[in-house]
Amino acid sequence: MKARILKKLGIEPVNNESFQIFIASIKTIMEYAGDVESLANWNAPILSDLNKLSSSEIELIKSEVQNTNLSIKECQVEVQKLIPQEKRKKFAVYYTIQQGTDLMTSIVKEFLSSRKEKVVLVDPFLGSGSTLTAAIEKIGVEKVEKVWGIEPLPLPALVAYVSLLHSMNGKRDAVTVILGDAFEEIPKMFSPPFVQSKLPKADIILTNPPFTRWKYLEKKYREHILSVIEKLGYKKYITRKEVSLQTLSMFLCDRILNNNGLLISVLPASTFYTIYGRGYKSLLKEKYGIYAMVESKSRVSFSEDSGFKEIIIVAVKGSNKKLTA
């Protein structure tokens, strides 16, 4: 029955580890809900599909919820280990290590030290939401107006939603996680000349965008995302047809970031010394003040198992002023 539940909910891989993460997520969200059945009405990944389950399947979930001791923070870590290699390569899935998350969130706290207004936190390549939840814990719930992100894989998306909801003390209106592809979802919400999105633009973006070799992407998908980025107004920054996925991802980030907004992103170091990153470097020079480009002393990557030499870039859109300690 457990396998049947996972299949109905679109959760992969279909195994006991996935089921336990799902159950732990449901247990956490039940702190803010009346009963399991009511969750089907929530605007959250996977939960609407609870309507597909039989009464006996719902009863099994209720029973399992009583027995799990897995925390949502543990789920954020464990869900990363479950992604099959073919999915990892297809979606260019890499998660930021603790060292990187600590650095990114410390910079956010510094950036907001003199700001009284609440902010919108965004990660368009959300993963399990660990960076955004760490940022909320660092700066305090009272400083966050809205937090939202996009994640293409169902189980990580659910874990991200539940962890963000938990970090926001159950404030449902303040949390949105979209199950989908950022290259599909962002153009729907923020296409020129103007589209009124239900979600606000970001004051702060914390992200670790997908990066994989261009040739690994299917030809139709390569053509599609190039067309998407050009239609969003970044055609002049695409200097050649064989670009890199991470630079296209950063154009999406630019599209949803407010002026004077803070961008902190993990990126392959090659973004800044190969021809494929020339267009993005031009965008940075024109629109951003660069605060820092940080390398790790202890290891090559800020991402788990990426194998790339990486840096963390810190930049403020439309400003050349430095952050102050």
C-alpha atoms as a PDB file:
ATOM      1  CA  MET A   1       0.000   0.000   0.000  1.00  0.00           C
ATOM      2  CA  LYS A   2       2.896   2.375   0.693  1.00  0.00           C
ATOM      3  CA  ALA A   3       4.160   2.004  -2.867  1.00  0.00           C
ATOM      4  CA  ARG A   4       0.662   2.633  -4.219  1.00  0.00           C
ATOM      5  CA  ILE A   5       0.399   5.854  -2.213  1.00  0.00           C
ATOM      6  CA  LEU A   6       3.733   7.122  -3.529  1.00  0.00           C
ATOM      7  CA  LYS A   7       2.769   6.336  -7.117  1.00  0.00           C
ATOM      8  CA  LYS A   8      -0.567   8.125  -6.773  1.00  0.00           C
ATOM      9  CA  LEU A   9       1.234  11.185  -5.410  1.00  0.00           C
ATOM     10  CA  GLY A  10       3.920  11.131  -8.120  1.00  0.00           C
ATOM     11  CA  ILE A  11       6.742  10.615  -5.618  1.00  0.00           C
ATOM     12  CA  GLU A  12       9.963   8.968  -6.775  1.00  0.00           C
ATOM     13  CA  PRO A  13      11.813   6.818  -6.067  1.00  0.00           C
ATOM     14  CA  VAL A  14       9.137   4.447  -4.826  1.00  0.00           C
ATOM     15  CA  ASN A  15      10.817   3.059  -1.725  1.00  0.00           C
ATOM     16  CA  ASN A  16      10.565   3.129   2.065  1.00  0.00           C
ATOM     17  CA  GLU A  17      12.962   6.081   2.420  1.00  0.00           C
ATOM     18  CA  SER A  18      10.719   8.259   0.245  1.00  0.00           C
ATOM     19  CA  PHE A  19       7.651   7.170   2.180  1.00  0.00           C
ATOM     20  CA  GLN A  20       9.254   8.028   5.519  1.00  0.00           C
ATOM     21  CA  ILE A  21      10.222  11.503   4.298  1.00  0.00           C
ATOM     22  CA  PHE A  22       6.674  12.014   3.033  1.00  0.00           C
ATOM     23  CA  ILE A  23       5.227  10.903   6.391  1.00  0.00           C
ATOM     24  CA  ALA A  24       7.589  13.155   8.370  1.00  0.00           C
ATOM     25  CA  SER A  25       6.578  16.091   6.158  1.00  0.00           C
ATOM     26  CA  ILE A  26       2.909  15.382   6.798  1.00  0.00           C
ATOM     27  CA  LYS A  27       3.561  15.153  10.533  1.00  0.00           C
ATOM     28  CA  THR A  28       5.218  18.586  10.550  1.00  0.00           C
ATOM     29  CA  ILE A  29       2.496  20.239   8.507  1.00  0.00           C
ATOM     30  CA  MET A  30      -0.157  18.746  10.789  1.00  0.00           C
ATOM     31  CA  GLU A  31       1.028  21.192  13.448  1.00  0.00           C
ATOM     32  CA  TYR A  32      -0.801  23.835  11.374  1.00  0.00           C
ATOM     33  CA  ALA A  33      -3.722  21.818   9.960  1.00  0.00           C
ATOM     34  CA  GLY A  34      -6.926  20.329  11.316  1.00  0.00           C
ATOM     35  CA  ASP A  35      -6.626  16.853   9.802  1.00  0.00           C
ATOM     36  CA  VAL A  36      -4.955  15.004   6.937  1.00  0.00           C
ATOM     37  CA  GLU A  37      -8.037  15.252   4.700  1.00  0.00           C
ATOM     38  CA  SER A  38      -8.016  19.065   4.889  1.00  0.00           C
ATOM     39  CA  LEU A  39      -4.512  19.188   3.425  1.00  0.00           C
ATOM     40  CA  ALA A  40      -5.923  18.392  -0.014  1.00  0.00           C
ATOM     41  CA  ASN A  41      -7.237  21.974  -0.105  1.00  0.00           C
ATOM     42  CA  TRP A  42      -3.863  23.533   0.604  1.00  0.00           C
ATOM     43  CA  ASN A  43      -2.018  25.330  -2.191  1.00  0.00           C
ATOM     44  CA  ALA A  44       1.128  23.260  -1.814  1.00  0.00           C
ATOM     45  CA  PRO A  45       3.089  20.640  -3.798  1.00  0.00           C
ATOM     46  CA  ILE A  46       1.628  17.098  -3.805  1.00  0.00           C
ATOM     47  CA  LEU A  47      -1.065  17.845  -1.224  1.00  0.00           C
ATOM     48  CA  SER A  48      -3.898  18.337  -3.734  1.00  0.00           C
ATOM     49  CA  ASP A  49      -3.247  14.767  -4.912  1.00  0.00           C
ATOM     50  CA  LEU A  50      -4.296  13.456  -1.508  1.00  0.00           C
ATOM     51  CA  ASN A  51      -7.781  13.442  -3.059  1.00  0.00           C
ATOM     52  CA  LYS A  52      -6.619  10.495  -5.162  1.00  0.00           C
ATOM     53  CA  LEU A  53      -6.097   8.333  -2.105  1.00  0.00           C
ATOM     54  CA  SER A  54      -8.615   5.852  -0.722  1.00  0.00           C
ATOM     55  CA  SER A  55      -9.901   6.030   2.850  1.00  0.00           C
ATOM     56  CA  SER A  56      -7.709   3.074   3.830  1.00  0.00           C
ATOM     57  CA  GLU A  57      -4.645   4.818   2.382  1.00  0.00           C
ATOM     58  CA  ILE A  58      -5.459   7.981   4.336  1.00  0.00           C
ATOM     59  CA  GLU A  59      -5.828   5.909   7.498  1.00  0.00           C
ATOM     60  CA  LEU A  60      -2.409   4.354   6.901  1.00  0.00           C
ATOM     61  CA  ILE A  61      -0.881   7.832   6.615  1.00  0.00           C
ATOM     62  CA  LYS A  62      -2.512   8.873   9.896  1.00  0.00           C
ATOM     63  CA  SER A  63      -1.163   5.775  11.582  1.00  0.00           C
ATOM     64  CA  GLU A  64       2.361   6.228  10.233  1.00  0.00           C
ATOM     65  CA  VAL A  65       2.410   9.900  11.261  1.00  0.00           C
ATOM     66  CA  GLN A  66       2.045   8.834  14.879  1.00  0.00           C
ATOM     67  CA  ASN A  67       5.149   6.652  14.685  1.00  0.00           C
ATOM     68  CA  THR A  68       7.744   8.770  12.903  1.00  0.00           C
ATOM     69  CA  ASN A  69      10.511  10.621  14.703  1.00  0.00           C
ATOM     70  CA  LEU A  70      12.162  12.020  11.571  1.00  0.00           C
ATOM     71  CA  SER A  71      12.424  15.831  11.724  1.00  0.00           C
ATOM     72  CA  ILE A  72      11.830  18.123   8.760  1.00  0.00           C
ATOM     73  CA  LYS A  73      15.467  19.262   8.935  1.00  0.00           C
ATOM     74  CA  GLU A  74      16.563  15.660   8.605  1.00  0.00           C
ATOM     75  CA  CYS A  75      14.208  15.338   5.641  1.00  0.00           C
ATOM     76  CA  GLN A  76      15.931  18.253   3.912  1.00  0.00           C
ATOM     77  CA  VAL A  77      19.193  16.323   4.053  1.00  0.00           C
ATOM     78  CA  GLU A  78      17.856  12.836   3.376  1.00  0.00           C
ATOM     79  CA  VAL A  79      15.741  13.785   0.350  1.00  0.00           C
ATOM     80  CA  GLN A  80      18.899  14.832  -1.478  1.00  0.00           C
ATOM     81  CA  LYS A  81      20.267  11.302  -1.242  1.00  0.00           C
ATOM     82  CA  LEU A  82      17.210   9.760  -2.881  1.00  0.00           C
ATOM     83  CA  ILE A  83      17.392  11.498  -6.242  1.00  0.00           C
ATOM     84  CA  PRO A  84      18.367   8.912  -8.890  1.00  0.00           C
ATOM     85  CA  GLN A  85      21.472   9.678 -10.934  1.00  0.00           C
ATOM     86  CA  GLU A  86      19.508  10.109 -14.169  1.00  0.00           C
ATOM     87  CA  LYS A  87      17.215  12.652 -12.462  1.00  0.00           C
ATOM     88  CA  ARG A  88      20.201  14.392 -10.915  1.00  0.00           C
ATOM     89  CA  LYS A  89      21.812  14.777 -14.332  1.00  0.00           C
ATOM     90  CA  LYS A  90      18.570  15.783 -16.089  1.00  0.00           C
ATOM     91  CA  PHE A  91      17.717  18.493 -13.564  1.00  0.00           C
ATOM     92  CA  ALA A  92      21.364  19.358 -12.754  1.00  0.00           C
ATOM     93  CA  VAL A  93      20.579  18.823  -9.083  1.00  0.00           C
ATOM     94  CA  TYR A  94      23.212  19.945  -6.596  1.00  0.00           C
ATOM     95  CA  TYR A  95      22.605  21.058  -3.019  1.00  0.00           C
ATOM     96  CA  THR A  96      24.588  23.690  -1.153  1.00  0.00           C
ATOM     97  CA  ILE A  97      26.781  22.383   1.673  1.00  0.00           C
ATOM     98  CA  GLN A  98      26.532  23.799   5.203  1.00  0.00           C
ATOM     99  CA  GLN A  99      29.626  25.962   4.785  1.00  0.00           C
ATOM    100  CA  GLY A 100      28.048  27.717   1.815  1.00  0.00           C
ATOM    101  CA  THR A 101      24.673  28.107   3.499  1.00  0.00           C
ATOM    102  CA  ASP A 102      26.267  29.633   6.599  1.00  0.00           C
ATOM    103  CA  LEU A 103      28.145  32.173   4.500  1.00  0.00           C
ATOM    104  CA  MET A 104      25.128  33.108   2.398  1.00  0.00           C
ATOM    105  CA  THR A 105      22.817  33.612   5.365  1.00  0.00           C
ATOM    106  CA  SER A 106      25.399  35.618   7.304  1.00  0.00           C
ATOM    107  CA  ILE A 107      25.637  38.046   4.388  1.00  0.00           C
ATOM    108  CA  VAL A 108      21.844  38.352   4.316  1.00  0.00           C
ATOM    109  CA  LYS A 109      21.821  39.265   7.996  1.00  0.00           C
ATOM    110  CA  GLU A 110      24.480  41.913   7.368  1.00  0.00           C
ATOM    111  CA  PHE A 111      22.576  43.287   4.388  1.00  0.00           C
ATOM    112  CA  LEU A 112      19.437  43.707   6.480  1.00  0.00           C
ATOM    113  CA  SER A 113      21.115  45.072   9.605  1.00  0.00           C
ATOM    114  CA  SER A 114      19.967  48.637   8.957  1.00  0.00           C
ATOM    115  CA  ARG A 115      16.746  47.875   7.090  1.00  0.00           C
ATOM    116  CA  LYS A 116      13.407  48.123   8.867  1.00  0.00           C
ATOM    117  CA  GLU A 117      11.089  47.040   6.041  1.00  0.00           C
ATOM    118  CA  LYS A 118      10.123  43.410   5.617  1.00  0.00           C
ATOM    119  CA  VAL A 119      11.640  41.568   2.668  1.00  0.00           C
ATOM    120  CA  VAL A 120      10.713  38.986   0.053  1.00  0.00           C
ATOM    121  CA  LEU A 121      13.056  35.978  -0.013  1.00  0.00           C
ATOM    122  CA  VAL A 122      13.203  33.875  -3.195  1.00  0.00           C
ATOM    123  CA  ASP A 123      14.996  30.853  -4.589  1.00  0.00           C
ATOM    124  CA  PRO A 124      13.867  29.963  -8.130  1.00  0.00           C
ATOM    125  CA  PHE A 125      15.906  26.735  -7.919  1.00  0.00           C
ATOM    126  CA  LEU A 126      14.717  25.731  -4.485  1.00  0.00           C
ATOM    127  CA  GLY A 127      15.776  22.148  -3.873  1.00  0.00           C
ATOM    128  CA  SER A 128      14.715  21.131  -0.367  1.00  0.00           C
ATOM    129  CA  GLY A 129      14.635  24.758   0.803  1.00  0.00           C
ATOM    130  CA  SER A 130      17.570  24.511   3.208  1.00  0.00           C
ATOM    131  CA  THR A 131      19.159  27.842   2.274  1.00  0.00           C
ATOM    132  CA  LEU A 132      15.956  29.854   2.593  1.00  0.00           C
ATOM    133  CA  THR A 133      14.960  28.215   5.864  1.00  0.00           C
ATOM    134  CA  ALA A 134      18.434  28.899   7.250  1.00  0.00           C
ATOM    135  CA  ALA A 135      18.104  32.548   6.176  1.00  0.00           C
ATOM    136  CA  ILE A 136      14.752  32.897   7.956  1.00  0.00           C
ATOM    137  CA  GLU A 137      16.222  31.403  11.114  1.00  0.00           C
ATOM    138  CA  LYS A 138      19.175  33.782  10.869  1.00  0.00           C
ATOM    139  CA  ILE A 139      17.253  37.045  10.324  1.00  0.00           C
ATOM    140  CA  GLY A 140      14.012  36.230  12.147  1.00  0.00           C
ATOM    141  CA  VAL A 141      10.459  35.635  10.935  1.00  0.00           C
ATOM    142  CA  GLU A 142       9.504  39.211  11.709  1.00  0.00           C
ATOM    143  CA  LYS A 143      11.704  40.478   8.852  1.00  0.00           C
ATOM    144  CA  VAL A 144      10.133  38.286   6.170  1.00  0.00           C
ATOM    145  CA  GLU A 145       7.036  39.408   4.278  1.00  0.00           C
ATOM    146  CA  LYS A 146       7.004  36.547   1.785  1.00  0.00           C
ATOM    147  CA  VAL A 147       9.153  33.555   0.848  1.00  0.00           C
ATOM    148  CA  TRP A 148       8.729  31.630  -2.377  1.00  0.00           C
ATOM    149  CA  GLY A 149      10.546  29.248  -4.678  1.00  0.00           C
ATOM    150  CA  ILE A 150      10.292  26.789  -7.560  1.00  0.00           C
ATOM    151  CA  GLU A 151      11.289  23.114  -7.555  1.00  0.00           C
ATOM    152  CA  PRO A 152      10.658  20.533 -10.314  1.00  0.00           C
ATOM    153  CA  LEU A 153      10.798  17.345  -8.210  1.00  0.00           C
ATOM    154  CA  PRO A 154       7.689  16.538  -6.119  1.00  0.00           C
ATOM    155  CA  LEU A 155       9.190  15.182  -2.899  1.00  0.00           C
ATOM    156  CA  PRO A 156      11.899  17.882  -2.489  1.00  0.00           C
ATOM    157  CA  ALA A 157       9.209  20.464  -3.296  1.00  0.00           C
ATOM    158  CA  LEU A 158       6.995  19.159  -0.499  1.00  0.00           C
ATOM    159  CA  VAL A 159       9.896  19.058   1.945  1.00  0.00           C
ATOM    160  CA  ALA A 160      10.828  22.634   0.983  1.00  0.00           C
ATOM    161  CA  TYR A 161       7.250  23.844   1.459  1.00  0.00           C
ATOM    162  CA  VAL A 162       6.875  22.206   4.856  1.00  0.00           C
ATOM    163  CA  SER A 163      10.277  23.402   6.085  1.00  0.00           C
ATOM    164  CA  LEU A 164       9.529  26.971   5.000  1.00  0.00           C
ATOM    165  CA  LEU A 165       6.073  26.868   6.561  1.00  0.00           C
ATOM    166  CA  HIS A 166       7.604  25.600   9.790  1.00  0.00           C
ATOM    167  CA  SER A 167      10.303  28.299   9.779  1.00  0.00           C
ATOM    168  CA  MET A 168       7.574  30.926   9.222  1.00  0.00           C
ATOM    169  CA  ASN A 169       5.622  29.631  12.246  1.00  0.00           C
ATOM    170  CA  GLY A 170       2.779  28.290  10.106  1.00  0.00           C
ATOM    171  CA  LYS A 171       2.020  31.525   8.216  1.00  0.00           C
ATOM    172  CA  ARG A 172       0.512  29.916   5.103  1.00  0.00           C
ATOM    173  CA  ASP A 173      -0.022  33.178   3.214  1.00  0.00           C
ATOM    174  CA  ALA A 174       3.681  33.970   3.534  1.00  0.00           C
ATOM    175  CA  VAL A 175       4.896  30.749   1.852  1.00  0.00           C
ATOM    176  CA  THR A 176       4.580  29.599  -1.759  1.00  0.00           C
ATOM    177  CA  VAL A 177       6.370  26.696  -3.424  1.00  0.00           C
ATOM    178  CA  ILE A 178       5.669  26.039  -7.083  1.00  0.00           C
ATOM    179  CA  LEU A 179       6.146  22.525  -8.405  1.00  0.00           C
ATOM    180  CA  GLY A 180       7.592  23.100 -11.853  1.00  0.00           C
ATOM    181  CA  ASP A 181      10.446  24.248 -14.071  1.00  0.00           C
ATOM    182  CA  ALA A 182      11.689  27.790 -13.393  1.00  0.00           C
ATOM    183  CA  PHE A 183      12.186  28.302 -17.143  1.00  0.00           C
ATOM    184  CA  GLU A 184       8.453  27.656 -17.569  1.00  0.00           C
ATOM    185  CA  GLU A 185       7.050  29.283 -14.447  1.00  0.00           C
ATOM    186  CA  ILE A 186       8.939  32.597 -14.321  1.00  0.00           C
ATOM    187  CA  PRO A 187       8.006  33.640 -17.883  1.00  0.00           C
ATOM    188  CA  LYS A 188       4.353  32.964 -17.029  1.00  0.00           C
ATOM    189  CA  MET A 189       4.579  35.336 -14.080  1.00  0.00           C
ATOM    190  CA  PHE A 190       7.049  38.002 -15.165  1.00  0.00           C
ATOM    191  CA  SER A 191       7.041  38.246 -18.974  1.00  0.00           C
ATOM    192  CA  PRO A 192       7.433  41.682 -20.614  1.00  0.00           C
ATOM    193  CA  PRO A 193       6.034  44.145 -21.309  1.00  0.00           C
ATOM    194  CA  PHE A 194       4.143  43.535 -18.080  1.00  0.00           C
ATOM    195  CA  VAL A 195       2.411  40.660 -16.399  1.00  0.00           C
ATOM    196  CA  GLN A 196       0.782  41.099 -13.017  1.00  0.00           C
ATOM    197  CA  SER A 197       2.163  38.220 -11.004  1.00  0.00           C
ATOM    198  CA  LYS A 198       0.461  36.974  -7.874  1.00  0.00           C
ATOM    199  CA  LEU A 199       3.933  36.671  -6.389  1.00  0.00           C
ATOM    200  CA  PRO A 200       6.102  39.689  -5.571  1.00  0.00           C
ATOM    201  CA  LYS A 201       9.570  40.195  -6.984  1.00  0.00           C
ATOM    202  CA  ALA A 202      12.481  39.339  -4.744  1.00  0.00           C
ATOM    203  CA  ASP A 203      14.353  41.651  -2.420  1.00  0.00           C
ATOM    204  CA  ILE A 204      16.840  38.846  -1.793  1.00  0.00           C
ATOM    205  CA  ILE A 205      17.663  35.832  -3.940  1.00  0.00           C
ATOM    206  CA  LEU A 206      19.630  32.978  -2.422  1.00  0.00           C
ATOM    207  CA  THR A 207      20.201  30.216  -4.943  1.00  0.00           C
ATOM    208  CA  ASN A 208      22.292  27.405  -6.313  1.00  0.00           C
ATOM    209  CA  PRO A 209      21.115  27.228  -9.946  1.00  0.00           C
ATOM    210  CA  PRO A 210      21.338  24.156 -12.162  1.00  0.00           C
ATOM    211  CA  PHE A 211      24.598  23.767 -14.022  1.00  0.00           C
ATOM    212  CA  THR A 212      25.433  20.971 -16.360  1.00  0.00           C
ATOM    213  CA  ARG A 213      27.125  20.650 -19.710  1.00  0.00           C
ATOM    214  CA  TRP A 214      25.002  22.147 -22.478  1.00  0.00           C
ATOM    215  CA  LYS A 215      25.287  18.980 -24.575  1.00  0.00           C
ATOM    216  CA  TYR A 216      23.605  16.927 -21.849  1.00  0.00           C
ATOM    217  CA  LEU A 217      20.338  18.824 -22.343  1.00  0.00           C
ATOM    218  CA  GLU A 218      17.901  17.633 -24.995  1.00  0.00           C
ATOM    219  CA  LYS A 219      18.055  19.701 -28.185  1.00  0.00           C
ATOM    220  CA  LYS A 220      14.398  20.785 -28.008  1.00  0.00           C
ATOM    221  CA  TYR A 221      14.825  21.894 -24.415  1.00  0.00           C
ATOM    222  CA  ARG A 222      17.983  23.863 -25.278  1.00  0.00           C
ATOM    223  CA  GLU A 223      16.133  25.640 -28.073  1.00  0.00           C
ATOM    224  CA  HIS A 224      13.168  26.286 -25.815  1.00  0.00           C
ATOM    225  CA  ILE A 225      15.054  27.878 -22.933  1.00  0.00           C
ATOM    226  CA  LEU A 226      17.119  30.012 -25.310  1.00  0.00           C
ATOM    227  CA  SER A 227      13.864  31.291 -26.794  1.00  0.00           C
ATOM    228  CA  VAL A 228      12.459  31.940 -23.307  1.00  0.00           C
ATOM    229  CA  ILE A 229      15.471  33.997 -22.242  1.00  0.00           C
ATOM    230  CA  GLU A 230      15.471  36.010 -25.469  1.00  0.00           C
ATOM    231  CA  LYS A 231      11.762  36.817 -25.061  1.00  0.00           C
ATOM    232  CA  LEU A 232      12.419  37.982 -21.505  1.00  0.00           C
ATOM    233  CA  GLY A 233      14.708  40.671 -22.941  1.00  0.00           C
ATOM    234  CA  TYR A 234      18.191  39.149 -22.613  1.00  0.00           C
ATOM    235  CA  LYS A 235      18.927  38.427 -26.270  1.00  0.00           C
ATOM    236  CA  LYS A 236      21.873  40.831 -26.433  1.00  0.00           C
ATOM    237  CA  TYR A 237      23.593  38.942 -23.616  1.00  0.00           C
ATOM    238  CA  ILE A 238      23.473  35.602 -25.430  1.00  0.00           C
ATOM    239  CA  THR A 239      26.739  35.804 -27.336  1.00  0.00           C
ATOM    240  CA  ARG A 240      26.612  32.305 -28.824  1.00  0.00           C
ATOM    241  CA  LYS A 241      24.106  29.503 -29.205  1.00  0.00           C
ATOM    242  CA  GLU A 242      26.124  27.055 -27.112  1.00  0.00           C
ATOM    243  CA  VAL A 243      25.701  28.817 -23.795  1.00  0.00           C
ATOM    244  CA  SER A 244      25.673  27.488 -20.240  1.00  0.00           C
ATOM    245  CA  LEU A 245      22.625  26.570 -18.203  1.00  0.00           C
ATOM    246  CA  GLN A 246      23.791  28.511 -15.164  1.00  0.00           C
ATOM    247  CA  THR A 247      24.096  31.807 -17.055  1.00  0.00           C
ATOM    248  CA  LEU A 248      20.580  31.414 -18.428  1.00  0.00           C
ATOM    249  CA  SER A 249      19.442  30.681 -14.890  1.00  0.00           C
ATOM    250  CA  MET A 250      20.984  33.929 -13.703  1.00  0.00           C
ATOM    251  CA  PHE A 251      19.043  35.880 -16.322  1.00  0.00           C
ATOM    252  CA  LEU A 252      15.880  34.450 -14.749  1.00  0.00           C
ATOM    253  CA  CYS A 253      17.122  35.624 -11.363  1.00  0.00           C
ATOM    254  CA  ASP A 254      17.708  39.115 -12.731  1.00  0.00           C
ATOM    255  CA  ARG A 255      14.163  39.172 -14.093  1.00  0.00           C
ATOM    256  CA  ILE A 256      12.601  38.585 -10.670  1.00  0.00           C
ATOM    257  CA  LEU A 257      14.986  40.678  -8.524  1.00  0.00           C
ATOM    258  CA  ASN A 258      13.994  44.188  -7.465  1.00  0.00           C
ATOM    259  CA  ASN A 259      16.331  47.133  -7.920  1.00  0.00           C
ATOM    260  CA  ASN A 260      18.629  47.406  -4.900  1.00  0.00           C
ATOM    261  CA  GLY A 261      17.941  43.735  -4.296  1.00  0.00           C
ATOM    262  CA  LEU A 262      20.615  41.329  -3.080  1.00  0.00           C
ATOM    263  CA  LEU A 263      21.735  38.360  -5.175  1.00  0.00           C
ATOM    264  CA  ILE A 264      23.774  35.564  -3.604  1.00  0.00           C
ATOM    265  CA  SER A 265      24.423  32.554  -5.795  1.00  0.00           C
ATOM    266  CA  VAL A 266      26.657  29.522  -5.996  1.00  0.00           C
ATOM    267  CA  LEU A 267      28.159  29.327  -9.500  1.00  0.00           C
ATOM    268  CA  PRO A 268      30.893  27.359 -11.260  1.00  0.00           C
ATOM    269  CA  ALA A 269      34.059  29.447 -11.368  1.00  0.00           C
ATOM    270  CA  SER A 270      34.183  28.770 -15.111  1.00  0.00           C
ATOM    271  CA  THR A 271      31.200  31.102 -15.508  1.00  0.00           C
ATOM    272  CA  PHE A 272      33.615  34.003 -15.175  1.00  0.00           C
ATOM    273  CA  TYR A 273      36.576  32.906 -17.272  1.00  0.00           C
ATOM    274  CA  THR A 274      35.079  31.067 -20.260  1.00  0.00           C
ATOM    275  CA  ILE A 275      33.416  32.486 -23.354  1.00  0.00           C
ATOM    276  CA  TYR A 276      30.090  30.961 -22.289  1.00  0.00           C
ATOM    277  CA  GLY A 277      29.778  33.423 -19.418  1.00  0.00           C
ATOM    278  CA  ARG A 278      30.655  36.554 -21.386  1.00  0.00           C
ATOM    279  CA  GLY A 279      27.041  37.694 -21.663  1.00  0.00           C
ATOM    280  CA  TYR A 280      26.362  37.313 -17.966  1.00  0.00           C
ATOM    281  CA  LYS A 281      29.522  39.225 -17.092  1.00  0.00           C
ATOM    282  CA  SER A 282      28.248  42.064 -19.296  1.00  0.00           C
ATOM    283  CA  LEU A 283      24.930  42.047 -17.452  1.00  0.00           C
ATOM    284  CA  LEU A 284      26.694  42.205 -14.100  1.00  0.00           C
ATOM    285  CA  LYS A 285      28.843  45.150 -15.190  1.00  0.00           C
ATOM    286  CA  GLU A 286      25.817  47.056 -16.460  1.00  0.00           C
ATOM    287  CA  LYS A 287      23.305  46.368 -13.704  1.00  0.00           C
ATOM    288  CA  TYR A 288      25.077  45.285 -10.513  1.00  0.00           C
ATOM    289  CA  GLY A 289      27.512  46.321  -7.888  1.00  0.00           C
ATOM    290  CA  ILE A 290      29.706  43.343  -7.049  1.00  0.00           C
ATOM    291  CA  TYR A 291      30.281  42.909  -3.330  1.00  0.00           C
ATOM    292  CA  ALA A 292      32.272  39.692  -3.298  1.00  0.00           C
ATOM    293  CA  MET A 293      33.234  36.545  -5.162  1.00  0.00           C
ATOM    294  CA  VAL A 294      34.149  33.925  -2.575  1.00  0.00           C
ATOM    295  CA  GLU A 295      36.089  30.686  -3.009  1.00  0.00           C
ATOM    296  CA  SER A 296      36.198  27.896  -0.452  1.00  0.00           C
ATOM    297  CA  LYS A 297      39.568  27.241   1.155  1.00  0.00           C
ATOM    298  CA  SER A 298      38.680  23.797   2.450  1.00  0.00           C
ATOM    299  CA  ARG A 299      37.191  22.272  -0.709  1.00  0.00           C
ATOM    300  CA  VAL A 300      36.626  22.895  -4.414  1.00  0.00           C
ATOM    301  CA  SER A 301      32.822  23.038  -4.374  1.00  0.00           C
ATOM    302  CA  PHE A 302      30.080  24.691  -2.354  1.00  0.00           C
ATOM    303  CA  SER A 303      27.710  22.020  -3.727  1.00  0.00           C
ATOM    304  CA  GLU A 304      27.454  18.422  -2.634  1.00  0.00           C
ATOM    305  CA  ASP A 305      29.061  16.070  -5.195  1.00  0.00           C
ATOM    306  CA  SER A 306      29.167  18.651  -8.010  1.00  0.00           C
ATOM    307  CA  GLY A 307      32.816  18.157  -8.945  1.00  0.00           C
ATOM    308  CA  PHE A 308      33.028  21.728 -10.247  1.00  0.00           C
ATOM    309  CA  LYS A 309      35.253  24.456  -8.865  1.00  0.00           C
ATOM    310  CA  GLU A 310      32.714  26.918  -7.503  1.00  0.00           C
ATOM    311  CA  ILE A 311      32.405  30.413  -6.117  1.00  0.00           C
ATOM    312  CA  ILE A 312      29.678  32.330  -4.318  1.00  0.00           C
ATOM    313  CA  ILE A 313      28.876  35.648  -5.931  1.00  0.00           C
ATOM    314  CA  VAL A 314      27.372  38.480  -3.872  1.00  0.00           C
ATOM    315  CA  ALA A 315      25.931  41.430  -5.797  1.00  0.00           C
ATOM    316  CA  VAL A 316      23.432  44.267  -5.394  1.00  0.00           C
ATOM    317  CA  LYS A 317      21.259  45.124  -8.375  1.00  0.00           C
ATOM    318  CA  GLY A 318      21.453  48.710  -9.558  1.00  0.00           C
ATOM    319  CA  SER A 319      24.005  49.736  -6.960  1.00  0.00           C
ATOM    320  CA  ASN A 320      27.753  50.117  -6.743  1.00  0.00           C
ATOM    321  CA  LYS A 321      27.845  50.649  -3.009  1.00  0.00           C
ATOM    322  CA  LYS A 322      29.379  48.064  -0.753  1.00  0.00           C
ATOM    323  CA  LEU A 323      27.572  46.307   2.070  1.00  0.00           C
ATOM    324  CA  THR A 324      28.516  47.652   5.451  1.00  0.00           C
ATOM    325  CA  ALA A 325      29.374  45.538   8.454  1.00  0.00           C
END
